[in-house]
Protein backbone atom coordinates (compact mmCIF):
# COMPACT_ATOMS: atom_id res chain seq x y z
CA MET A 1 10.34 -0.56 97.48
CA SER A 2 7.05 -1.11 99.30
CA ILE A 3 4.85 -3.97 98.12
CA TRP A 4 1.92 -1.55 98.15
CA ILE A 5 1.73 0.35 94.86
CA LYS A 6 -0.09 3.24 96.57
CA ASN A 7 3.10 3.83 98.59
CA TRP A 8 5.30 4.04 95.48
CA PRO A 9 6.40 7.42 94.11
CA GLU A 10 3.62 8.66 91.84
CA GLU A 11 5.86 8.58 88.75
CA ASP A 12 6.46 4.85 89.32
CA ARG A 13 2.83 3.80 89.69
CA PRO A 14 1.62 1.96 86.55
CA ARG A 15 -1.76 3.71 86.33
CA GLU A 16 -0.27 7.18 86.78
CA LYS A 17 2.46 6.38 84.23
CA LEU A 18 -0.16 5.23 81.72
CA LEU A 19 -2.24 8.37 82.19
CA SER A 20 0.70 10.74 81.95
CA LYS A 21 2.92 9.01 79.39
CA GLY A 22 0.75 6.47 77.54
CA SER A 23 0.47 2.69 77.63
CA SER A 24 3.53 2.08 75.43
CA ILE A 25 5.85 3.25 78.21
CA LEU A 26 4.71 0.48 80.57
CA THR A 27 6.55 -2.83 80.87
CA ASN A 28 4.72 -6.12 80.29
CA ALA A 29 4.66 -6.68 84.05
CA GLU A 30 3.11 -3.26 84.65
CA LEU A 31 0.45 -3.84 81.99
CA LEU A 32 -0.37 -7.27 83.38
CA GLY A 33 -0.38 -5.80 86.88
CA GLY A 34 -2.98 -3.30 85.71
CA LEU A 35 -5.20 -6.18 84.57
CA LEU A 36 -4.75 -7.94 87.91
CA GLY A 37 -5.65 -4.75 89.79
CA SER A 38 -4.23 -5.96 93.09
CA GLY A 39 -1.81 -8.46 94.54
CA TYR A 40 -2.02 -10.05 97.97
CA GLN A 41 -0.58 -9.41 101.42
CA ALA A 42 3.03 -10.19 100.52
CA GLN A 43 3.04 -9.18 96.86
CA SER A 44 2.02 -6.15 94.81
CA ALA A 45 0.05 -6.51 91.59
CA VAL A 46 3.20 -5.82 89.56
CA GLY A 47 5.20 -8.33 91.62
CA LEU A 48 2.51 -10.93 91.05
CA ALA A 49 2.55 -10.12 87.34
CA LYS A 50 6.33 -10.63 87.28
CA ASN A 51 5.89 -14.07 88.89
CA ILE A 52 3.38 -15.07 86.22
CA LEU A 53 5.57 -13.78 83.38
CA THR A 54 8.67 -15.50 84.81
CA SER A 55 6.78 -18.80 84.74
CA VAL A 56 6.40 -18.48 80.95
CA ASN A 57 9.92 -17.11 80.36
CA ASN A 58 8.43 -13.65 79.70
CA ASP A 59 6.91 -15.02 76.49
CA LEU A 60 3.47 -13.53 75.79
CA HIS A 61 2.62 -16.39 73.44
CA GLN A 62 3.16 -18.84 76.28
CA LEU A 63 1.10 -16.60 78.56
CA ALA A 64 -1.78 -16.82 76.08
CA GLN A 65 -1.61 -20.61 76.28
CA LEU A 66 -2.29 -20.67 80.03
CA SER A 67 -5.73 -21.91 80.98
CA VAL A 68 -7.97 -20.75 83.82
CA ASN A 69 -6.70 -23.67 85.93
CA ASP A 70 -3.08 -22.72 85.18
CA LEU A 71 -3.57 -19.10 86.24
CA ILE A 72 -5.49 -19.66 89.46
CA LYS A 73 -2.58 -21.75 90.76
CA PHE A 74 -0.76 -18.47 91.40
CA LYS A 75 -1.37 -17.15 94.89
CA GLY A 76 -3.43 -13.98 94.68
CA VAL A 77 -5.07 -14.88 91.36
CA GLY A 78 -8.72 -15.88 91.48
CA HIS A 79 -11.29 -16.44 88.77
CA ALA A 80 -12.07 -12.72 88.33
CA LYS A 81 -8.41 -11.82 87.67
CA THR A 82 -8.02 -14.84 85.40
CA ILE A 83 -11.00 -13.72 83.32
CA ASN A 84 -9.45 -10.24 82.99
CA ILE A 85 -6.20 -11.70 81.64
CA ILE A 86 -7.80 -14.16 79.22
CA SER A 87 -10.28 -11.55 77.98
CA ALA A 88 -7.52 -9.01 77.30
CA LEU A 89 -5.47 -11.56 75.34
CA GLU A 90 -8.54 -12.56 73.32
CA LEU A 91 -9.26 -8.91 72.48
CA GLY A 92 -5.68 -8.65 71.20
CA ARG A 93 -6.24 -11.63 68.92
CA ARG A 94 -9.49 -10.16 67.62
CA GLN A 95 -7.84 -6.82 66.93
CA ASP A 96 -5.24 -8.62 64.82
CA GLU A 97 -8.02 -10.38 62.92
CA PHE A 98 -9.93 -7.13 62.38
CA ASN A 99 -6.84 -5.38 61.03
CA LEU A 100 -6.17 -8.23 58.62
CA LYS A 101 -9.68 -8.15 57.15
CA SER A 102 -8.70 -5.10 55.13
CA ASN A 103 -6.49 -7.40 53.07
CA LYS A 104 -9.11 -9.18 50.98
CA ILE A 105 -6.82 -10.69 48.34
CA ILE A 106 -4.52 -13.65 48.93
CA THR A 107 -1.33 -13.05 46.95
CA CYS A 108 1.14 -15.40 48.64
CA SER A 109 1.59 -17.94 51.43
CA LYS A 110 2.52 -15.22 53.94
CA ASP A 111 -0.90 -13.60 53.41
CA VAL A 112 -2.53 -16.88 54.48
CA TYR A 113 -0.30 -17.18 57.54
CA GLU A 114 -1.11 -13.66 58.68
CA PHE A 115 -4.82 -14.05 57.93
CA MET A 116 -5.07 -17.18 60.11
CA ARG A 117 -2.99 -15.88 63.01
CA ALA A 118 -5.97 -14.83 65.13
CA GLU A 119 -7.46 -18.33 64.88
CA LEU A 120 -4.40 -20.54 65.27
CA MET A 121 -1.84 -18.63 67.32
CA ASP A 122 -1.09 -20.24 70.70
CA ILE A 123 -3.65 -23.08 70.60
CA GLN A 124 -2.50 -26.44 71.98
CA HIS A 125 -4.58 -28.77 69.81
CA GLU A 126 -4.72 -29.33 66.06
CA GLU A 127 -7.35 -27.67 63.87
CA PHE A 128 -8.03 -27.86 60.13
CA TRP A 129 -9.37 -24.79 58.29
CA ILE A 130 -10.05 -23.70 54.74
CA ILE A 131 -10.13 -20.26 53.15
CA LEU A 132 -12.77 -19.92 50.44
CA LEU A 133 -11.75 -17.72 47.53
CA LYS A 134 -13.19 -16.24 44.36
CA ARG A 135 -11.39 -16.88 41.09
CA ASN A 136 -9.30 -13.74 41.58
CA ASN A 137 -8.23 -14.98 45.06
CA GLU A 138 -10.52 -12.52 46.87
CA ILE A 139 -11.45 -13.95 50.26
CA ILE A 140 -15.05 -15.09 50.68
CA ALA A 141 -14.75 -16.65 54.13
CA LYS A 142 -12.72 -18.95 56.36
CA LYS A 143 -14.21 -22.09 57.86
CA GLN A 144 -13.09 -24.52 60.52
CA ILE A 145 -13.43 -28.08 59.24
CA SER A 146 -12.32 -30.05 62.29
CA LYS A 147 -10.71 -29.86 65.71
CA GLY A 148 -8.59 -32.65 67.16
CA GLY A 149 -5.94 -33.41 69.73
CA ILE A 150 -2.28 -32.58 70.11
CA SER A 151 -1.08 -34.79 67.26
CA GLY A 152 -3.85 -34.74 64.67
CA THR A 153 -7.40 -34.08 63.53
CA LEU A 154 -9.70 -35.93 61.14
CA VAL A 155 -10.70 -34.22 57.91
CA ASP A 156 -13.74 -35.17 55.82
CA ALA A 157 -13.37 -33.99 52.21
CA LYS A 158 -17.17 -33.97 51.83
CA ILE A 159 -17.41 -31.22 54.47
CA VAL A 160 -14.62 -29.26 52.79
CA PHE A 161 -16.42 -29.19 49.45
CA LYS A 162 -19.87 -28.67 50.94
CA HIS A 163 -18.62 -25.31 52.25
CA ALA A 164 -17.03 -24.54 48.89
CA LEU A 165 -20.19 -25.35 46.92
CA ASP A 166 -22.47 -23.52 49.37
CA ARG A 167 -20.41 -20.32 48.99
CA GLN A 168 -19.68 -20.84 45.27
CA ALA A 169 -15.93 -20.74 45.88
CA SER A 170 -13.65 -21.22 42.89
CA THR A 171 -10.49 -21.94 44.85
CA LEU A 172 -9.49 -23.06 48.34
CA VAL A 173 -6.51 -22.81 50.63
CA LEU A 174 -6.06 -25.61 53.17
CA ILE A 175 -4.60 -24.77 56.58
CA HIS A 176 -3.83 -26.78 59.67
CA ASN A 177 -1.58 -26.17 62.65
CA HIS A 178 1.12 -28.20 64.32
CA PRO A 179 0.97 -27.50 68.08
CA SER A 180 4.32 -29.28 68.46
CA GLY A 181 6.00 -26.53 66.44
CA ASN A 182 7.16 -29.01 63.76
CA ILE A 183 7.23 -26.90 60.63
CA ASN A 184 7.50 -29.75 58.11
CA ALA A 185 4.80 -31.65 56.22
CA SER A 186 4.28 -35.28 57.20
CA GLN A 187 3.43 -38.03 54.73
CA THR A 188 -0.09 -38.00 56.17
CA ASP A 189 -0.32 -34.26 55.37
CA ILE A 190 0.84 -34.92 51.81
CA ASN A 191 -1.57 -37.80 51.27
CA LEU A 192 -4.52 -35.79 52.59
CA THR A 193 -3.65 -32.86 50.33
CA LYS A 194 -3.48 -35.13 47.29
CA LYS A 195 -6.87 -36.64 48.18
CA ILE A 196 -8.56 -33.25 48.55
CA LYS A 197 -6.91 -31.89 45.41
CA LYS A 198 -8.11 -34.89 43.39
CA ALA A 199 -11.68 -34.36 44.61
CA GLY A 200 -11.42 -30.65 43.83
CA ASP A 201 -10.31 -31.36 40.27
CA LEU A 202 -13.55 -33.30 39.67
CA LEU A 203 -15.60 -30.34 40.92
CA ASP A 204 -13.51 -27.70 39.14
CA ILE A 205 -12.46 -26.23 42.48
CA SER A 206 -8.73 -25.57 42.70
CA ILE A 207 -6.62 -26.13 45.81
CA ILE A 208 -4.01 -23.41 45.52
CA ASP A 209 -1.97 -24.15 48.66
CA HIS A 210 -1.82 -26.00 51.96
CA ILE A 211 -0.27 -24.09 54.85
CA ILE A 212 1.06 -25.76 58.00
CA TYR A 213 0.84 -23.19 60.77
CA THR A 214 3.12 -22.89 63.84
CA ASN A 215 3.72 -19.98 66.21
CA ALA A 216 7.27 -19.68 64.90
CA GLY A 217 6.51 -19.81 61.18
CA TYR A 218 4.80 -21.83 58.48
CA TYR A 219 5.26 -24.39 55.72
CA SER A 220 3.71 -23.81 52.29
CA PHE A 221 3.18 -26.77 49.96
CA VAL A 222 3.38 -24.45 46.94
CA ASP A 223 6.57 -22.75 48.10
CA HIS A 224 8.13 -26.23 48.46
CA SER A 225 6.73 -27.49 45.14
CA LEU A 226 4.69 -30.23 46.82
CA VAL A 227 1.60 -31.76 45.15
CA PHE A 228 0.68 -28.70 43.12
């Protein structure tokens, strides 16, 4: 098949397929090729998209982790095409977050995991967040407390409870991610949770769970009968 998409049979061209049959019929490479818009002299946009996807084992989560510098290493990909890719992936995250806002009540650890997906999915550094809740577990807001490196982030309990007092929250959920994918709680995680829970008890603000977030799943302190 020609490297030039314009020379392909009309029914095989990604844009024509999308218009006639809908976006769901397109492969990941065809969708990514549409974002790229063009390839280069020896490679079509779809061929270039296949090269990029092959580099991340066809895993869209890994694709979302690529930086501008990672993407422009591919021949035929400049800053404009890189911005298209990153912007499209970010819109996908924000759509997930928007859809989840309709669920205003936290009923279980899975609700927390899903609610935080837009913030923590695919990032390569550690972040610590809290979800502020009313007494009936209705969500008031979510707040980032700190951002660190690959293996940890510092957490100041005073900042945690400042947010809680400012928004008159009755309960909190603690959340942090493990970029390594390790789904278990470390002793440091346990000690920090105990420290924050003890401070919360003095202020009559309950800590109802601590979720460790990874792309592949999560660890709930409550589900494992830790601390609480």
